[in-house]
N, C-alpha and C. Protein backbone atom coordinates (compact mmCIF):
# COMPACT_ATOMS: atom_id res chain seq x y z
N UNK A 1 81.24 77.06 144.31
CA UNK A 1 80.24 76.85 145.40
C UNK A 1 81.00 76.17 146.56
N UNK A 2 80.90 76.74 147.68
CA UNK A 2 81.70 76.25 148.86
C UNK A 2 80.96 74.97 149.35
N UNK A 3 81.79 74.16 150.15
CA UNK A 3 81.32 72.94 150.58
C UNK A 3 80.13 73.05 151.54
N UNK A 4 79.97 74.05 152.35
CA UNK A 4 78.84 74.23 153.25
C UNK A 4 77.58 74.45 152.50
N UNK A 5 77.62 75.32 151.47
CA UNK A 5 76.47 75.57 150.66
C UNK A 5 76.01 74.36 149.91
N UNK A 6 76.94 73.56 149.35
CA UNK A 6 76.58 72.36 148.72
C UNK A 6 76.00 71.31 149.61
N UNK A 7 76.47 71.18 150.85
CA UNK A 7 75.98 70.23 151.85
C UNK A 7 74.60 70.73 152.26
N UNK A 8 74.43 72.05 152.54
CA UNK A 8 73.11 72.58 152.85
C UNK A 8 72.08 72.27 151.83
N UNK A 9 72.42 72.51 150.55
CA UNK A 9 71.52 72.34 149.43
C UNK A 9 71.17 70.77 149.34
N UNK A 10 72.07 69.92 149.40
CA UNK A 10 71.82 68.47 149.38
C UNK A 10 70.89 68.04 150.50
N UNK A 11 71.22 68.42 151.73
CA UNK A 11 70.41 68.12 152.80
C UNK A 11 68.99 68.65 152.78
N UNK A 12 68.82 69.88 152.31
CA UNK A 12 67.61 70.47 152.12
C UNK A 12 66.77 69.66 151.04
N UNK A 13 67.46 69.36 150.00
CA UNK A 13 66.69 68.51 148.91
C UNK A 13 66.35 67.29 149.41
N UNK A 14 67.22 66.54 150.09
CA UNK A 14 66.84 65.19 150.66
C UNK A 14 65.72 65.26 151.70
N UNK A 15 65.78 66.28 152.47
CA UNK A 15 64.72 66.45 153.47
C UNK A 15 63.36 66.71 152.87
N UNK A 16 63.37 67.58 151.89
CA UNK A 16 62.13 67.98 151.27
C UNK A 16 61.56 66.73 150.37
N UNK A 17 62.40 65.96 149.82
CA UNK A 17 61.92 64.84 149.05
C UNK A 17 61.38 63.84 150.12
N UNK A 18 61.93 63.62 151.23
CA UNK A 18 61.36 62.72 152.23
C UNK A 18 60.08 63.24 152.71
N UNK A 19 59.89 64.52 152.83
CA UNK A 19 58.68 65.10 153.31
C UNK A 19 57.54 64.96 152.21
N UNK A 20 57.90 65.08 150.93
CA UNK A 20 57.01 64.92 149.91
C UNK A 20 56.46 63.49 149.90
N UNK A 21 57.38 62.46 150.13
CA UNK A 21 56.88 61.05 150.11
C UNK A 21 56.00 60.76 151.30
N UNK A 22 56.24 61.45 152.44
CA UNK A 22 55.45 61.20 153.66
C UNK A 22 54.05 61.89 153.51
N UNK A 23 53.95 62.83 152.65
CA UNK A 23 52.75 63.58 152.58
C UNK A 23 52.86 64.97 153.10
N UNK A 24 51.95 65.93 152.72
CA UNK A 24 52.15 67.29 153.24
C UNK A 24 51.80 67.39 154.67
N UNK A 25 52.72 67.98 155.52
CA UNK A 25 52.44 68.30 156.82
C UNK A 25 53.07 69.57 157.14
N UNK A 26 52.67 70.23 158.17
CA UNK A 26 53.27 71.44 158.66
C UNK A 26 54.50 71.11 159.47
N UNK A 27 55.64 71.82 159.16
CA UNK A 27 56.77 71.61 160.01
C UNK A 27 56.64 72.10 161.45
N UNK A 28 57.53 71.65 162.33
CA UNK A 28 57.43 72.15 163.71
C UNK A 28 57.63 73.59 163.70
N UNK A 29 56.95 74.37 164.57
CA UNK A 29 57.03 75.72 164.51
C UNK A 29 57.48 76.38 165.82
N UNK A 30 58.65 77.03 165.70
CA UNK A 30 59.08 77.80 166.87
C UNK A 30 58.26 78.98 167.17
N UNK A 31 58.03 79.44 168.38
CA UNK A 31 57.29 80.65 168.80
C UNK A 31 57.83 81.83 167.95
N UNK A 32 56.79 82.53 167.41
CA UNK A 32 57.17 83.80 166.70
C UNK A 32 57.41 83.55 165.18
N UNK A 33 57.33 82.30 164.73
CA UNK A 33 57.59 82.13 163.36
C UNK A 33 56.16 82.29 162.58
N UNK A 34 56.29 82.45 161.28
CA UNK A 34 55.09 82.67 160.49
C UNK A 34 54.08 81.51 160.64
N UNK A 35 54.66 80.18 160.76
CA UNK A 35 53.79 79.15 160.91
C UNK A 35 53.12 79.10 162.27
N UNK A 36 53.76 79.54 163.36
CA UNK A 36 53.19 79.58 164.68
C UNK A 36 52.16 80.58 164.81
N UNK A 37 52.17 81.57 163.99
CA UNK A 37 51.22 82.71 164.02
C UNK A 37 49.79 82.27 163.53
N UNK A 38 49.55 81.07 163.14
CA UNK A 38 48.25 80.61 162.72
C UNK A 38 48.15 80.41 161.18
N UNK A 39 49.13 80.64 160.42
CA UNK A 39 49.06 80.45 158.95
C UNK A 39 49.05 78.98 158.65
N UNK A 40 48.56 78.61 157.63
CA UNK A 40 48.43 77.16 157.28
C UNK A 40 49.21 76.95 155.97
N UNK A 41 49.46 75.66 155.68
CA UNK A 41 50.07 75.33 154.33
C UNK A 41 49.08 74.78 153.33
N UNK A 42 47.77 75.20 153.50
CA UNK A 42 46.81 74.67 152.55
C UNK A 42 46.95 75.27 151.18
N UNK A 43 47.03 74.38 150.21
CA UNK A 43 47.18 74.77 148.87
C UNK A 43 45.85 75.27 148.41
N UNK A 44 45.86 76.35 147.54
CA UNK A 44 44.68 76.85 146.91
C UNK A 44 44.69 76.51 145.42
N UNK A 45 44.70 75.31 145.12
CA UNK A 45 44.82 74.87 143.72
C UNK A 45 43.67 75.46 142.96
N UNK A 46 43.96 76.15 141.92
CA UNK A 46 43.00 76.65 140.99
C UNK A 46 42.59 78.09 141.43
N UNK A 47 43.06 78.59 142.60
CA UNK A 47 42.70 79.91 143.02
C UNK A 47 43.49 80.91 142.28
N UNK A 48 42.90 81.83 141.56
CA UNK A 48 43.52 82.75 140.71
C UNK A 48 44.41 83.68 141.45
N UNK A 49 44.16 83.72 142.79
CA UNK A 49 44.91 84.75 143.62
C UNK A 49 45.74 83.98 144.67
N UNK A 50 46.52 82.98 144.22
CA UNK A 50 47.33 82.17 145.08
C UNK A 50 48.71 81.87 144.39
N UNK A 51 49.73 81.70 145.20
CA UNK A 51 50.99 81.30 144.72
C UNK A 51 50.92 79.83 144.58
N UNK A 52 50.81 79.24 143.35
CA UNK A 52 50.59 77.83 143.13
C UNK A 52 51.18 77.38 141.82
N UNK A 53 52.36 76.73 141.84
CA UNK A 53 52.90 76.32 140.58
C UNK A 53 52.26 75.02 140.03
N UNK A 54 51.48 74.44 140.79
CA UNK A 54 50.76 73.21 140.42
C UNK A 54 51.82 71.98 140.44
N UNK A 55 51.39 70.92 139.92
CA UNK A 55 52.13 69.71 140.04
C UNK A 55 53.32 69.77 138.96
N UNK A 56 54.47 69.15 139.30
CA UNK A 56 55.48 69.09 138.33
C UNK A 56 55.91 67.67 138.08
N UNK A 57 56.44 67.36 136.96
CA UNK A 57 56.79 66.08 136.53
C UNK A 57 57.99 65.56 137.38
N UNK A 58 58.94 66.43 137.52
CA UNK A 58 60.19 66.12 138.36
C UNK A 58 59.90 66.47 139.76
N UNK A 59 60.53 65.77 140.71
CA UNK A 59 60.45 66.26 142.10
C UNK A 59 61.21 67.43 142.26
N UNK A 60 60.56 68.50 142.74
CA UNK A 60 61.22 69.82 142.91
C UNK A 60 60.89 70.36 144.33
N UNK A 61 61.43 69.59 145.37
CA UNK A 61 61.02 69.88 146.76
C UNK A 61 61.32 71.22 147.20
N UNK A 62 62.55 71.80 146.82
CA UNK A 62 62.94 73.06 147.29
C UNK A 62 62.06 74.11 146.66
N UNK A 63 61.68 74.00 145.40
CA UNK A 63 60.83 74.98 144.81
C UNK A 63 59.45 74.88 145.40
N UNK A 64 58.91 73.73 145.78
CA UNK A 64 57.62 73.67 146.26
C UNK A 64 57.56 74.18 147.71
N UNK A 65 58.71 73.99 148.40
CA UNK A 65 58.78 74.62 149.71
C UNK A 65 58.78 76.12 149.63
N UNK A 66 59.42 76.64 148.62
CA UNK A 66 59.44 78.10 148.44
C UNK A 66 58.11 78.63 148.12
N UNK A 67 57.33 77.82 147.27
CA UNK A 67 56.07 78.16 146.91
C UNK A 67 55.11 78.23 148.08
N UNK A 68 55.23 77.28 149.01
CA UNK A 68 54.47 77.37 150.29
C UNK A 68 54.80 78.47 151.12
N UNK A 69 56.09 78.88 151.24
CA UNK A 69 56.53 80.01 152.06
C UNK A 69 56.06 81.29 151.44
N UNK A 70 56.07 81.41 150.08
CA UNK A 70 55.55 82.60 149.52
C UNK A 70 54.01 82.73 149.72
N UNK A 71 53.34 81.60 149.68
CA UNK A 71 51.89 81.63 150.03
C UNK A 71 51.62 82.07 151.48
N UNK A 72 52.41 81.61 152.37
CA UNK A 72 52.31 82.07 153.80
C UNK A 72 52.55 83.50 153.90
N UNK A 73 53.57 84.05 153.28
CA UNK A 73 53.85 85.46 153.35
C UNK A 73 52.79 86.31 152.72
N UNK A 74 52.22 85.80 151.59
CA UNK A 74 51.18 86.61 150.98
C UNK A 74 50.01 86.59 151.86
N UNK A 75 49.64 85.43 152.49
CA UNK A 75 48.44 85.36 153.41
C UNK A 75 48.62 86.22 154.61
N UNK A 76 49.80 86.33 155.17
CA UNK A 76 50.04 87.14 156.32
C UNK A 76 50.15 88.62 156.03
N UNK A 77 50.55 88.94 154.80
CA UNK A 77 50.82 90.27 154.50
C UNK A 77 49.57 90.98 153.91
N UNK A 78 48.63 90.22 153.46
CA UNK A 78 47.48 90.83 152.74
C UNK A 78 47.85 91.52 151.50
N UNK A 79 48.84 91.04 150.84
CA UNK A 79 49.28 91.58 149.48
C UNK A 79 48.08 91.45 148.49
N UNK A 80 47.91 92.41 147.60
CA UNK A 80 46.83 92.40 146.72
C UNK A 80 47.02 91.29 145.65
N UNK A 81 45.93 91.04 144.95
CA UNK A 81 45.89 89.89 144.01
C UNK A 81 46.80 90.07 142.86
N UNK A 82 47.06 91.30 142.37
CA UNK A 82 48.08 91.57 141.32
C UNK A 82 49.44 91.24 141.73
N UNK A 83 49.80 91.57 142.91
CA UNK A 83 51.12 91.21 143.54
C UNK A 83 51.29 89.69 143.64
N UNK A 84 50.32 88.97 144.06
CA UNK A 84 50.33 87.55 144.15
C UNK A 84 50.43 87.03 142.81
N UNK A 85 49.71 87.42 141.82
CA UNK A 85 49.77 86.83 140.42
C UNK A 85 51.15 87.09 139.90
N UNK A 86 51.74 88.28 140.26
CA UNK A 86 53.04 88.53 139.66
C UNK A 86 54.10 87.50 140.20
N UNK A 87 54.05 87.33 141.60
CA UNK A 87 54.97 86.25 142.20
C UNK A 87 54.75 84.95 141.57
N UNK A 88 53.49 84.59 141.45
CA UNK A 88 53.11 83.30 140.91
C UNK A 88 53.62 82.99 139.50
N UNK A 89 53.46 84.04 138.68
CA UNK A 89 53.98 83.94 137.28
C UNK A 89 55.51 83.68 137.30
N UNK A 90 56.27 84.40 138.10
CA UNK A 90 57.70 84.24 138.16
C UNK A 90 58.15 82.82 138.61
N UNK A 91 57.40 82.38 139.68
CA UNK A 91 57.66 81.06 140.33
C UNK A 91 57.34 79.95 139.31
N UNK A 92 56.25 80.14 138.55
CA UNK A 92 55.83 79.22 137.62
C UNK A 92 56.85 79.11 136.54
N UNK A 93 57.36 80.17 136.06
CA UNK A 93 58.43 80.22 135.02
C UNK A 93 59.68 79.56 135.52
N UNK A 94 60.02 79.69 136.77
CA UNK A 94 61.13 78.99 137.43
C UNK A 94 60.87 77.49 137.39
N UNK A 95 59.55 77.10 137.81
CA UNK A 95 59.26 75.65 137.90
C UNK A 95 59.30 75.03 136.41
N UNK A 96 58.74 75.71 135.45
CA UNK A 96 58.78 75.22 134.08
C UNK A 96 60.19 74.98 133.64
N UNK A 97 61.12 75.88 133.98
CA UNK A 97 62.51 75.72 133.53
C UNK A 97 63.17 74.51 134.25
N UNK A 98 62.88 74.32 135.41
CA UNK A 98 63.41 73.19 136.19
C UNK A 98 62.79 71.86 135.93
N UNK A 99 61.55 71.89 135.41
CA UNK A 99 60.82 70.66 135.16
C UNK A 99 61.09 70.08 133.70
N UNK A 100 62.04 70.67 133.01
CA UNK A 100 62.46 70.23 131.75
C UNK A 100 63.48 69.12 131.91
N UNK A 101 63.68 68.36 130.86
CA UNK A 101 64.71 67.35 130.82
C UNK A 101 65.52 67.52 129.53
N UNK A 102 66.81 68.02 129.68
CA UNK A 102 67.52 68.43 130.90
C UNK A 102 66.97 69.76 131.43
N UNK A 103 67.26 69.95 132.73
CA UNK A 103 66.75 71.17 133.46
C UNK A 103 67.40 72.31 132.69
N UNK A 104 66.61 73.45 132.64
CA UNK A 104 67.09 74.68 131.93
C UNK A 104 67.50 75.67 133.05
N UNK A 105 68.69 75.46 133.59
CA UNK A 105 69.16 76.32 134.67
C UNK A 105 69.37 77.75 134.32
N UNK A 106 69.66 78.07 133.04
CA UNK A 106 69.75 79.46 132.61
C UNK A 106 68.48 80.14 132.83
N UNK A 107 67.36 79.49 132.34
CA UNK A 107 66.02 80.08 132.36
C UNK A 107 65.61 80.17 133.87
N UNK A 108 65.85 79.15 134.61
CA UNK A 108 65.64 79.15 136.12
C UNK A 108 66.30 80.23 136.84
N UNK A 109 67.51 80.53 136.45
CA UNK A 109 68.35 81.57 137.08
C UNK A 109 67.74 82.94 136.75
N UNK A 110 67.31 83.15 135.58
CA UNK A 110 66.69 84.39 135.14
C UNK A 110 65.33 84.59 135.73
N UNK A 111 64.46 83.63 135.72
CA UNK A 111 63.17 83.75 136.34
C UNK A 111 63.29 83.90 137.83
N UNK A 112 64.05 83.12 138.52
CA UNK A 112 64.12 83.29 139.99
C UNK A 112 64.93 84.57 140.35
N UNK A 113 65.72 85.09 139.46
CA UNK A 113 66.37 86.41 139.65
C UNK A 113 65.28 87.43 139.63
N UNK A 114 64.39 87.39 138.64
CA UNK A 114 63.27 88.33 138.63
C UNK A 114 62.39 88.25 139.85
N UNK A 115 62.19 87.01 140.25
CA UNK A 115 61.37 86.81 141.49
C UNK A 115 62.05 87.33 142.71
N UNK A 116 63.28 87.25 142.84
CA UNK A 116 64.16 87.82 143.92
C UNK A 116 64.07 89.21 143.95
N UNK A 117 64.23 89.93 142.70
CA UNK A 117 64.11 91.36 142.59
C UNK A 117 62.70 91.88 143.08
N UNK A 118 61.72 91.18 142.64
CA UNK A 118 60.41 91.65 143.07
C UNK A 118 60.22 91.45 144.51
N UNK A 119 60.64 90.35 145.10
CA UNK A 119 60.58 90.09 146.53
C UNK A 119 61.25 91.22 147.30
N UNK A 120 62.47 91.50 146.93
CA UNK A 120 63.26 92.57 147.62
C UNK A 120 62.47 93.95 147.54
N UNK A 121 61.87 94.22 146.37
CA UNK A 121 61.07 95.42 146.30
C UNK A 121 59.85 95.42 147.22
N UNK A 122 59.17 94.30 147.30
CA UNK A 122 57.96 94.12 148.11
C UNK A 122 58.43 94.32 149.66
N UNK A 123 59.53 93.75 149.97
CA UNK A 123 60.03 93.81 151.34
C UNK A 123 60.36 95.24 151.75
N UNK A 124 61.00 95.90 150.76
CA UNK A 124 61.40 97.27 150.96
C UNK A 124 60.22 98.19 151.20
N UNK A 125 59.18 97.99 150.50
CA UNK A 125 57.96 98.85 150.54
C UNK A 125 57.00 98.40 151.60
N UNK A 126 57.25 97.30 152.21
CA UNK A 126 56.40 96.72 153.23
C UNK A 126 55.09 95.98 152.64
N UNK A 127 55.11 95.81 151.38
CA UNK A 127 53.95 95.09 150.75
C UNK A 127 53.91 93.63 151.13
N UNK A 128 55.07 93.01 151.44
CA UNK A 128 55.18 91.62 151.81
C UNK A 128 56.12 91.56 153.06
N UNK A 129 55.78 90.63 153.89
CA UNK A 129 56.63 90.35 155.14
C UNK A 129 57.66 89.35 154.78
N UNK A 130 58.85 89.49 155.35
CA UNK A 130 59.93 88.51 155.22
C UNK A 130 59.69 87.48 156.42
N UNK A 131 58.88 86.56 156.20
CA UNK A 131 58.47 85.62 157.25
C UNK A 131 59.63 84.73 157.58
N UNK A 132 59.59 84.16 158.77
CA UNK A 132 60.56 83.17 159.26
C UNK A 132 59.87 81.85 159.35
N UNK A 133 60.67 80.79 159.32
CA UNK A 133 60.19 79.47 159.43
C UNK A 133 61.32 78.61 159.91
N UNK A 134 61.02 77.36 160.32
CA UNK A 134 62.10 76.40 160.77
C UNK A 134 62.93 76.08 159.60
N UNK A 135 64.19 75.95 159.92
CA UNK A 135 65.25 75.56 158.93
C UNK A 135 64.84 74.19 158.36
N UNK A 136 64.80 73.94 157.01
CA UNK A 136 64.42 72.66 156.50
C UNK A 136 65.58 71.64 156.60
N UNK A 137 66.79 72.22 156.92
CA UNK A 137 68.02 71.39 157.05
C UNK A 137 69.00 72.27 157.92
N UNK A 138 69.86 71.63 158.64
CA UNK A 138 70.86 72.42 159.37
C UNK A 138 71.58 73.39 158.56
N UNK A 139 71.60 74.66 158.98
CA UNK A 139 72.32 75.71 158.20
C UNK A 139 71.54 76.26 157.07
N UNK A 140 70.35 75.80 156.78
CA UNK A 140 69.51 76.32 155.66
C UNK A 140 68.87 77.62 156.06
N UNK A 141 68.50 78.47 155.11
CA UNK A 141 67.84 79.74 155.43
C UNK A 141 66.59 79.55 156.19
N UNK A 142 66.20 80.55 156.98
CA UNK A 142 65.03 80.56 157.84
C UNK A 142 64.12 81.71 157.57
N UNK A 143 64.47 82.44 156.46
CA UNK A 143 63.50 83.55 156.13
C UNK A 143 63.16 83.45 154.60
N UNK A 144 62.19 84.05 154.19
CA UNK A 144 61.72 83.92 152.86
C UNK A 144 62.79 84.57 151.92
N UNK A 145 63.31 85.71 152.18
CA UNK A 145 64.47 86.27 151.45
C UNK A 145 65.62 85.41 151.39
N UNK A 146 66.00 84.88 152.53
CA UNK A 146 67.19 83.97 152.50
C UNK A 146 67.01 82.74 151.66
N UNK A 147 65.79 82.19 151.66
CA UNK A 147 65.48 81.03 150.88
C UNK A 147 65.53 81.46 149.40
N UNK A 148 64.94 82.52 148.99
CA UNK A 148 64.95 82.98 147.65
C UNK A 148 66.32 83.25 147.14
N UNK A 149 67.17 83.85 147.98
CA UNK A 149 68.55 84.16 147.59
C UNK A 149 69.36 82.90 147.45
N UNK A 150 69.21 81.92 148.36
CA UNK A 150 69.99 80.71 148.32
C UNK A 150 69.61 79.81 146.99
N UNK A 151 68.29 79.69 146.82
CA UNK A 151 67.88 78.93 145.66
C UNK A 151 68.23 79.57 144.36
N UNK A 152 68.06 80.91 144.24
CA UNK A 152 68.54 81.58 143.03
C UNK A 152 70.01 81.45 142.75
N UNK A 153 70.78 81.54 143.84
CA UNK A 153 72.25 81.37 143.83
C UNK A 153 72.59 80.00 143.36
N UNK A 154 71.92 78.93 143.77
CA UNK A 154 72.16 77.57 143.50
C UNK A 154 71.83 77.34 141.96
N UNK A 155 70.63 77.84 141.49
CA UNK A 155 70.30 77.60 140.08
C UNK A 155 71.16 78.41 139.12
N UNK A 156 71.60 79.61 139.53
CA UNK A 156 72.52 80.37 138.74
C UNK A 156 73.91 79.70 138.69
N UNK A 157 74.38 79.17 139.85
CA UNK A 157 75.64 78.48 139.87
C UNK A 157 75.57 77.20 138.92
N UNK A 158 74.40 76.50 138.96
CA UNK A 158 74.24 75.39 138.08
C UNK A 158 74.29 75.83 136.57
N UNK A 159 73.79 76.98 136.32
CA UNK A 159 73.74 77.51 134.92
C UNK A 159 75.20 77.81 134.49
N UNK A 160 75.93 78.21 135.38
CA UNK A 160 77.43 78.48 135.08
C UNK A 160 78.24 77.17 135.13
N UNK A 161 77.63 76.05 135.47
CA UNK A 161 78.40 74.81 135.58
C UNK A 161 79.19 74.65 136.85
N UNK A 162 78.90 75.50 137.83
CA UNK A 162 79.65 75.44 139.04
C UNK A 162 79.09 74.47 140.11
N UNK A 163 77.83 74.12 140.01
CA UNK A 163 77.28 73.22 141.02
C UNK A 163 76.58 72.07 140.40
N UNK A 164 77.00 70.83 140.73
CA UNK A 164 76.32 69.68 140.09
C UNK A 164 76.24 68.73 141.36
N UNK A 165 75.08 68.32 141.66
CA UNK A 165 74.86 67.32 142.73
C UNK A 165 74.61 65.97 142.14
N UNK A 166 73.99 65.10 142.88
CA UNK A 166 73.66 63.71 142.52
C UNK A 166 72.92 63.71 141.22
N UNK A 167 73.35 62.84 140.30
CA UNK A 167 72.72 62.53 139.05
C UNK A 167 72.61 63.85 138.22
N UNK A 168 73.57 64.75 138.37
CA UNK A 168 73.53 65.92 137.63
C UNK A 168 72.52 67.02 138.10
N UNK A 169 71.94 66.84 139.24
CA UNK A 169 70.98 67.71 139.78
C UNK A 169 71.55 68.67 140.70
N UNK A 170 71.19 69.91 140.76
CA UNK A 170 71.76 70.88 141.70
C UNK A 170 71.16 70.60 143.09
């Protein structure tokens, strides 16, 4: 893992942790972004047709940010309920793997890889939009696909023992 990717990941994690402590708020939105187009970050807890991993024991700010961005993309794309449930199932499997002690990066890599494959297929067919959003940290991805690729890459690198951050966390 190169130094820039590690720094980006650490900064994104720290930023998301700070945001979680401050409470949920919408990030600043540049014109033309998914958030500026009127979408909201409202959680649909218990909604059978929403991307919602629910609460986690461990702080997983990057995963929860990705969850919110998938929710926005689904809301803006009008993807059917089956597609949303499929994305939600894969994201929940990723969350479950990361919420273990110790974290199961091999399972997180596999589940997030399946999620990435499905996202790429949905983008290719136009089922889901590749939304844009403000970078959560300097140099961080600003599209749903970029975010999914970077997080999957980080979790797979951790599974291979290539990336270890503060306190053994990627």
